C-alpha atoms as a PDB file:
ATOM      1  CA  LEU A   1     104.382 132.361  35.889  1.00  0.00           C
ATOM      2  CA  PRO A   2     102.786 135.554  37.056  1.00  0.00           C
ATOM      3  CA  THR A   3     104.858 137.218  39.912  1.00  0.00           C
ATOM      4  CA  LEU A   4     103.809 137.751  43.500  1.00  0.00           C
ATOM      5  CA  GLU A   5     104.111 141.040  45.129  1.00  0.00           C
ATOM      6  CA  LYS A   6     105.266 141.026  48.809  1.00  0.00           C
ATOM      7  CA  ASN A   7     101.829 140.997  50.165  1.00  0.00           C
ATOM      8  CA  GLY A   8     101.214 137.762  48.124  1.00  0.00           C
ATOM      9  CA  SER A   9      98.859 139.217  45.399  1.00  0.00           C
ATOM     10  CA  ILE A  10      99.486 138.158  41.777  1.00  0.00           C
ATOM     11  CA  GLN A  11     100.880 140.807  39.298  1.00  0.00           C
ATOM     12  CA  ARG A  12     100.217 139.669  35.587  1.00  0.00           C
ATOM     13  CA  GLY A  13     101.617 141.509  32.630  1.00  0.00           C
ATOM     14  CA  PHE A  14      99.337 143.360  30.486  1.00  0.00           C
ATOM     15  CA  LEU A  15      99.351 144.310  26.592  1.00  0.00           C
ATOM     16  CA  GLY A  16      96.371 146.373  25.904  1.00  0.00           C
ATOM     17  CA  VAL A  17      94.932 145.110  22.604  1.00  0.00           C
ATOM     18  CA  LEU A  18      92.131 143.261  20.922  1.00  0.00           C
ATOM     19  CA  MET A  19      93.298 140.287  18.619  1.00  0.00           C
ATOM     20  CA  GLN A  20      92.095 137.484  16.675  1.00  0.00           C
ATOM     21  CA  ASP A  21      93.245 134.148  15.159  1.00  0.00           C
ATOM     22  CA  LEU A  22      93.827 133.863  11.446  1.00  0.00           C
ATOM     23  CA  ASP A  23      92.219 131.299   9.006  1.00  0.00           C
ATOM     24  CA  LYS A  24      93.368 130.875   5.140  1.00  0.00           C
ATOM     25  CA  GLU A  25      90.381 133.119   4.052  1.00  0.00           C
ATOM     26  CA  SER A  26      90.970 135.843   6.340  1.00  0.00           C
ATOM     27  CA  ALA A  27      94.772 135.599   6.008  1.00  0.00           C
ATOM     28  CA  GLN A  28      94.418 136.081   2.178  1.00  0.00           C
ATOM     29  CA  SER A  29      91.864 138.908   2.450  1.00  0.00           C
ATOM     30  CA  LEU A  30      94.547 140.774   4.378  1.00  0.00           C
ATOM     31  CA  GLY A  31      97.330 139.903   2.043  1.00  0.00           C
ATOM     32  CA  ILE A  32      98.984 137.782   4.918  1.00  0.00           C
ATOM     33  CA  ASP A  33     100.921 134.626   3.802  1.00  0.00           C
ATOM     34  CA  ARG A  34     100.651 132.744   7.018  1.00  0.00           C
ATOM     35  CA  THR A  35      98.009 131.718   9.518  1.00  0.00           C
ATOM     36  CA  ASP A  36     100.160 131.312  12.519  1.00  0.00           C
ATOM     37  CA  GLY A  37     100.396 134.278  14.991  1.00  0.00           C
ATOM     38  CA  ALA A  38      98.003 136.762  16.698  1.00  0.00           C
ATOM     39  CA  LEU A  39      96.285 139.485  14.577  1.00  0.00           C
ATOM     40  CA  ILE A  40      96.021 142.564  16.396  1.00  0.00           C
ATOM     41  CA  THR A  41      92.770 144.462  15.665  1.00  0.00           C
ATOM     42  CA  GLN A  42      92.439 147.238  18.108  1.00  0.00           C
ATOM     43  CA  ILE A  43      94.976 148.885  20.298  1.00  0.00           C
ATOM     44  CA  VAL A  44      93.724 150.292  23.807  1.00  0.00           C
ATOM     45  CA  PRO A  45      94.845 154.097  23.948  1.00  0.00           C
ATOM     46  CA  ASP A  46      97.857 154.557  26.130  1.00  0.00           C
ATOM     47  CA  SER A  47      98.586 150.853  26.705  1.00  0.00           C
ATOM     48  CA  PRO A  48     101.759 149.148  26.529  1.00  0.00           C
ATOM     49  CA  ALA A  49     100.970 148.107  23.122  1.00  0.00           C
ATOM     50  CA  ASP A  50     100.223 151.694  22.042  1.00  0.00           C
ATOM     51  CA  LYS A  51     103.549 152.953  23.417  1.00  0.00           C
ATOM     52  CA  SER A  52     105.555 150.314  21.827  1.00  0.00           C
ATOM     53  CA  GLY A  53     104.289 151.322  18.338  1.00  0.00           C
ATOM     54  CA  MET A  54     102.099 148.217  17.732  1.00  0.00           C
ATOM     55  CA  LYS A  55      99.546 148.912  15.116  1.00  0.00           C
ATOM     56  CA  PRO A  56      96.073 147.273  13.977  1.00  0.00           C
ATOM     57  CA  TYR A  57      96.731 144.697  11.488  1.00  0.00           C
ATOM     58  CA  ASP A  58     100.063 143.805  13.074  1.00  0.00           C
ATOM     59  CA  LEU A  59     100.473 140.001  13.216  1.00  0.00           C
ATOM     60  CA  VAL A  60     102.323 139.105  16.293  1.00  0.00           C
ATOM     61  CA  ILE A  61     104.498 136.132  15.811  1.00  0.00           C
ATOM     62  CA  GLN A  62     107.207 136.093  18.646  1.00  0.00           C
ATOM     63  CA  VAL A  63     107.528 137.384  22.345  1.00  0.00           C
ATOM     64  CA  GLY A  64     110.935 137.142  23.480  1.00  0.00           C
ATOM     65  CA  GLU A  65     112.137 133.777  22.621  1.00  0.00           C
ATOM     66  CA  LYS A  66     108.646 132.434  22.482  1.00  0.00           C
ATOM     67  CA  SER A  67     107.077 131.842  18.961  1.00  0.00           C
ATOM     68  CA  ILE A  68     103.334 132.895  18.907  1.00  0.00           C
ATOM     69  CA  THR A  69     100.883 130.845  16.919  1.00  0.00           C
ATOM     70  CA  SER A  70      97.636 131.953  18.360  1.00  0.00           C
ATOM     71  CA  THR A  71      95.908 134.504  20.549  1.00  0.00           C
ATOM     72  CA  ARG A  72      95.976 132.220  23.295  1.00  0.00           C
ATOM     73  CA  ASP A  73      99.724 131.905  23.182  1.00  0.00           C
ATOM     74  CA  LEU A  74     100.014 135.821  23.062  1.00  0.00           C
ATOM     75  CA  ALA A  75      97.659 136.209  26.055  1.00  0.00           C
ATOM     76  CA  ARG A  76      99.438 133.559  28.158  1.00  0.00           C
ATOM     77  CA  GLU A  77     103.020 134.646  27.271  1.00  0.00           C
ATOM     78  CA  VAL A  78     102.376 138.529  28.185  1.00  0.00           C
ATOM     79  CA  GLN A  79     100.739 137.492  31.425  1.00  0.00           C
ATOM     80  CA  ASN A  80     103.958 135.580  32.211  1.00  0.00           C
ATOM     81  CA  TYR A  81     106.088 138.692  32.494  1.00  0.00           C
ATOM     82  CA  ALA A  82     106.146 140.898  35.378  1.00  0.00           C
ATOM     83  CA  PRO A  83     104.901 144.507  35.002  1.00  0.00           C
ATOM     84  CA  GLY A  84     107.836 146.825  34.054  1.00  0.00           C
ATOM     85  CA  ASN A  85     109.857 143.993  32.330  1.00  0.00           C
ATOM     86  CA  LYS A  86     111.086 144.928  28.893  1.00  0.00           C
ATOM     87  CA  VAL A  87     110.527 142.629  26.018  1.00  0.00           C
ATOM     88  CA  LYS A  88     111.302 142.316  22.321  1.00  0.00           C
ATOM     89  CA  VAL A  89     108.001 141.606  20.209  1.00  0.00           C
ATOM     90  CA  LYS A  90     108.251 140.456  16.778  1.00  0.00           C
ATOM     91  CA  VAL A  91     105.311 141.440  14.428  1.00  0.00           C
ATOM     92  CA  VAL A  92     104.668 141.188  10.617  1.00  0.00           C
ATOM     93  CA  ARG A  93     103.701 144.555   9.235  1.00  0.00           C
ATOM     94  CA  ASN A  94     103.081 145.048   5.530  1.00  0.00           C
ATOM     95  CA  LYS A  95     104.625 141.577   4.844  1.00  0.00           C
ATOM     96  CA  LYS A  96     107.842 142.673   6.672  1.00  0.00           C
ATOM     97  CA  GLU A  97     108.908 141.416  10.194  1.00  0.00           C
ATOM     98  CA  THR A  98     109.577 144.317  12.637  1.00  0.00           C
ATOM     99  CA  SER A  99     110.697 144.434  15.981  1.00  0.00           C
ATOM    100  CA  LEU A 100     109.236 146.219  18.772  1.00  0.00           C
ATOM    101  CA  ASP A 101     110.262 147.119  22.295  1.00  0.00           C
ATOM    102  CA  LEU A 102     107.608 146.577  24.711  1.00  0.00           C
ATOM    103  CA  VAL A 103     107.353 147.470  28.436  1.00  0.00           C
ATOM    104  CA  VAL A 104     104.966 145.128  29.895  1.00  0.00           C
ATOM    105  CA  GLY A 105     102.145 146.846  31.752  1.00  0.00           C
ATOM    106  CA  ARG A 106     100.443 146.129  35.025  1.00  0.00           C
ATOM    107  CA  HIS A 107      96.892 144.363  34.381  1.00  0.00           C
ATOM    108  CA  PRO A 108      94.048 146.797  35.170  1.00  0.00           C
ATOM    109  CA  ASP A 109      92.164 144.120  37.112  1.00  0.00           C
ATOM    110  CA  ASP A 110      95.282 143.714  39.587  1.00  0.00           C
ATOM    111  CA  ALA A 111      95.909 147.397  40.071  1.00  0.00           C
ATOM    112  CA  GLN A 112      92.599 148.157  41.613  1.00  0.00           C
ATOM    113  CA  SER A 113      90.630 145.829  43.721  1.00  0.00           C
ATOM    114  CA  SER A 114      87.040 145.527  43.158  1.00  0.00           C
ATOM    115  CA  ILE A 115      85.461 148.202  45.176  1.00  0.00           C
ATOM    116  CA  ALA A 116      82.128 146.298  44.139  1.00  0.00           C
ATOM    117  CA  GLU A 117      83.222 143.348  45.972  1.00  0.00           C
ATOM    118  CA  LYS A 118      84.491 145.422  49.006  1.00  0.00           C
ATOM    119  CA  LYS A 119      81.274 147.507  49.398  1.00  0.00           C
ATOM    120  CA  GLY A 120      78.741 144.997  48.185  1.00  0.00           C
ATOM    121  CA  TYR A 121      77.686 146.853  45.050  1.00  0.00           C
ATOM    122  CA  GLU A 122      75.618 144.648  42.747  1.00  0.00           C
ATOM    123  CA  GLY A 123      74.846 146.976  39.906  1.00  0.00           C
ATOM    124  CA  GLN A 124      73.648 145.668  36.413  1.00  0.00           C
ATOM    125  CA  LYS A 125      75.462 142.577  34.822  1.00  0.00           C
ATOM    126  CA  ALA A 126      76.289 143.305  31.231  1.00  0.00           C
ATOM    127  CA  PRO A 127      74.923 140.367  28.933  1.00  0.00           C
ATOM    128  CA  PHE A 128      76.557 138.208  26.362  1.00  0.00           C
ATOM    129  CA  ASP A 129      79.516 137.105  28.892  1.00  0.00           C
ATOM    130  CA  LEU A 130      81.088 140.639  28.504  1.00  0.00           C
ATOM    131  CA  GLY A 131      82.327 140.558  31.871  1.00  0.00           C
ATOM    132  CA  PHE A 132      81.266 143.870  33.681  1.00  0.00           C
ATOM    133  CA  ARG A 133      78.973 145.419  35.811  1.00  0.00           C
ATOM    134  CA  VAL A 134      77.547 148.866  35.745  1.00  0.00           C
ATOM    135  CA  SER A 135      75.691 151.078  38.160  1.00  0.00           C
ATOM    136  CA  ASP A 136      73.852 154.431  38.006  1.00  0.00           C
ATOM    137  CA  TYR A 137      75.953 157.522  38.884  1.00  0.00           C
ATOM    138  CA  ASN A 138      75.614 158.606  42.331  1.00  0.00           C
ATOM    139  CA  LYS A 139      77.432 160.685  45.101  1.00  0.00           C
ATOM    140  CA  LYS A 140      78.574 157.563  46.956  1.00  0.00           C
ATOM    141  CA  LEU A 141      80.108 155.873  43.858  1.00  0.00           C
ATOM    142  CA  ALA A 142      81.710 159.162  42.867  1.00  0.00           C
ATOM    143  CA  ASN A 143      83.346 159.239  46.239  1.00  0.00           C
ATOM    144  CA  GLU A 144      84.532 155.749  46.256  1.00  0.00           C
ATOM    145  CA  PHE A 145      86.106 156.125  42.770  1.00  0.00           C
ATOM    146  CA  ASN A 146      87.038 159.618  43.095  1.00  0.00           C
ATOM    147  CA  LEU A 147      84.980 160.525  40.046  1.00  0.00           C
ATOM    148  CA  PRO A 148      84.531 164.020  38.530  1.00  0.00           C
ATOM    149  CA  PRO A 149      81.576 165.773  38.980  1.00  0.00           C
ATOM    150  CA  LEU A 150      79.152 165.610  35.820  1.00  0.00           C
ATOM    151  CA  ARG A 151      76.799 168.179  34.326  1.00  0.00           C
ATOM    152  CA  GLU A 152      74.736 164.972  33.003  1.00  0.00           C
ATOM    153  CA  LYS A 153      74.504 161.714  34.856  1.00  0.00           C
ATOM    154  CA  HIS A 154      76.080 158.757  33.126  1.00  0.00           C
ATOM    155  CA  PRO A 155      76.576 155.086  34.497  1.00  0.00           C
ATOM    156  CA  VAL A 156      79.665 153.708  36.183  1.00  0.00           C
ATOM    157  CA  VAL A 157      81.361 150.701  35.721  1.00  0.00           C
ATOM    158  CA  ILE A 158      81.869 149.048  39.014  1.00  0.00           C
ATOM    159  CA  ASP A 159      83.504 145.542  38.472  1.00  0.00           C
ATOM    160  CA  VAL A 160      85.261 143.856  35.579  1.00  0.00           C
ATOM    161  CA  ASP A 161      85.934 140.207  35.758  1.00  0.00           C
ATOM    162  CA  ARG A 162      89.413 139.110  34.903  1.00  0.00           C
ATOM    163  CA  GLY A 163      90.212 137.820  31.560  1.00  0.00           C
ATOM    164  CA  SER A 164      86.812 138.851  30.231  1.00  0.00           C
ATOM    165  CA  ILE A 165      85.923 140.459  26.809  1.00  0.00           C
ATOM    166  CA  ALA A 166      85.701 143.885  28.791  1.00  0.00           C
ATOM    167  CA  SER A 167      88.980 143.537  30.575  1.00  0.00           C
ATOM    168  CA  TRP A 168      90.835 142.804  27.423  1.00  0.00           C
ATOM    169  CA  ALA A 169      89.018 145.823  25.837  1.00  0.00           C
ATOM    170  CA  GLY A 170      90.486 148.155  28.465  1.00  0.00           C
ATOM    171  CA  LEU A 171      87.431 148.707  30.466  1.00  0.00           C
ATOM    172  CA  THR A 172      88.223 149.160  34.066  1.00  0.00           C
ATOM    173  CA  PRO A 173      86.308 149.884  37.286  1.00  0.00           C
ATOM    174  CA  GLY A 174      85.516 153.753  37.616  1.00  0.00           C
ATOM    175  CA  ASP A 175      85.169 154.263  33.852  1.00  0.00           C
ATOM    176  CA  ILE A 176      82.085 156.373  33.178  1.00  0.00           C
ATOM    177  CA  ILE A 177      80.177 155.060  29.970  1.00  0.00           C
ATOM    178  CA  LEU A 178      78.999 158.014  27.877  1.00  0.00           C
ATOM    179  CA  ASP A 179      77.512 156.249  25.058  1.00  0.00           C
ATOM    180  CA  VAL A 180      76.985 152.779  23.719  1.00  0.00           C
ATOM    181  CA  ASN A 181      77.019 152.189  19.863  1.00  0.00           C
ATOM    182  CA  ARG A 182      76.869 155.880  19.309  1.00  0.00           C
ATOM    183  CA  LYS A 183      73.783 156.381  21.736  1.00  0.00           C
ATOM    184  CA  SER A 184      74.109 158.442  24.757  1.00  0.00           C
ATOM    185  CA  VAL A 185      73.222 156.717  28.125  1.00  0.00           C
ATOM    186  CA  THR A 186      72.202 158.103  31.458  1.00  0.00           C
ATOM    187  CA  ARG A 187      71.248 154.891  33.409  1.00  0.00           C
ATOM    188  CA  ALA A 188      72.698 151.289  33.720  1.00  0.00           C
ATOM    189  CA  THR A 189      69.801 149.872  32.208  1.00  0.00           C
ATOM    190  CA  ASP A 190      70.491 151.890  28.943  1.00  0.00           C
ATOM    191  CA  VAL A 191      73.750 150.226  28.613  1.00  0.00           C
ATOM    192  CA  LEU A 192      72.122 146.868  28.753  1.00  0.00           C
ATOM    193  CA  LYS A 193      69.567 147.691  26.303  1.00  0.00           C
ATOM    194  CA  LEU A 194      71.954 149.057  23.734  1.00  0.00           C
ATOM    195  CA  LEU A 195      74.741 146.203  23.869  1.00  0.00           C
ATOM    196  CA  ARG A 196      74.212 143.751  20.856  1.00  0.00           C
ATOM    197  CA  LYS A 197      74.995 140.241  20.449  1.00  0.00           C
ATOM    198  CA  ASP A 198      77.229 138.816  17.633  1.00  0.00           C
ATOM    199  CA  ARG A 199      78.762 142.320  16.824  1.00  0.00           C
ATOM    200  CA  MET A 200      81.511 144.736  17.628  1.00  0.00           C
ATOM    201  CA  ASN A 201      80.057 147.159  20.453  1.00  0.00           C
ATOM    202  CA  VAL A 202      81.750 150.591  20.820  1.00  0.00           C
ATOM    203  CA  LEU A 203      81.621 152.318  24.161  1.00  0.00           C
ATOM    204  CA  ARG A 204      82.785 155.757  24.473  1.00  0.00           C
ATOM    205  CA  VAL A 205      84.045 156.175  28.282  1.00  0.00           C
ATOM    206  CA  LEU A 206      85.486 158.837  30.414  1.00  0.00           C
ATOM    207  CA  LYS A 207      88.688 157.347  32.020  1.00  0.00           C
ATOM    208  CA  GLN A 208      90.418 159.579  34.425  1.00  0.00           C
ATOM    209  CA  ASN A 209      89.648 162.793  32.580  1.00  0.00           C
ATOM    210  CA  ARG A 210      90.102 161.588  29.232  1.00  0.00           C
ATOM    211  CA  VAL A 211      87.861 160.153  26.647  1.00  0.00           C
ATOM    212  CA  ALA A 212      88.445 156.768  24.937  1.00  0.00           C
ATOM    213  CA  LEU A 213      86.727 154.503  22.531  1.00  0.00           C
ATOM    214  CA  LEU A 214      86.656 150.893  23.587  1.00  0.00           C
ATOM    215  CA  TYR A 215      85.634 148.039  21.378  1.00  0.00           C
ATOM    216  CA  LEU A 216      83.637 144.886  22.756  1.00  0.00           C
ATOM    217  CA  LYS A 217      82.917 142.108  20.440  1.00  0.00           C
ATOM    218  CA  THR A 218      80.424 139.424  21.998  1.00  0.00           C
ATOM    219  CA  ARG A 219      81.325 135.941  21.497  1.00  0.00           C
END
């Protein structure tokens, strides 16, 4: 089970990937002769998965002693490890099994309590059950999240739901959204207008003075 800190809050393990289940058709198109496991489709930059050497198109089939047959298996198993624990992850890569040394990370949702909840910020709720709220950049938010000064104003993520699409993609409170689907955004409403249903949405965000591309696929 997820571990409890001394203050009683829950710590959950974090991998930092986007993934999908395989069916026969998609497995054949990728040259994979099995459908069990979790197919990695995207790696969050600087995440535990990234640092372990995991790559897109890796098929995760085992974590520790636990066989992985689906994305649900992988998500549940990783969250059962305490942050900082080391575990062997077995993947199929180019039709060969490879073992990776993973140091489990701390889930971003657990690392920072929601400032939105504490301060009562509402912001704009992202559509399509993506699981995040965004607000216009202002001095108050900049102080709360210790954000850098910006020449051009861009909206700020103020809340991310646990276990949501946004959370798994690596989006965290305090991220500054620069553009959505390759179009620049200056207000929270711009983000909502540019997100698309039934497709992969690409967000370019400023995370602690570095820029990252995050991929959010609507259900």
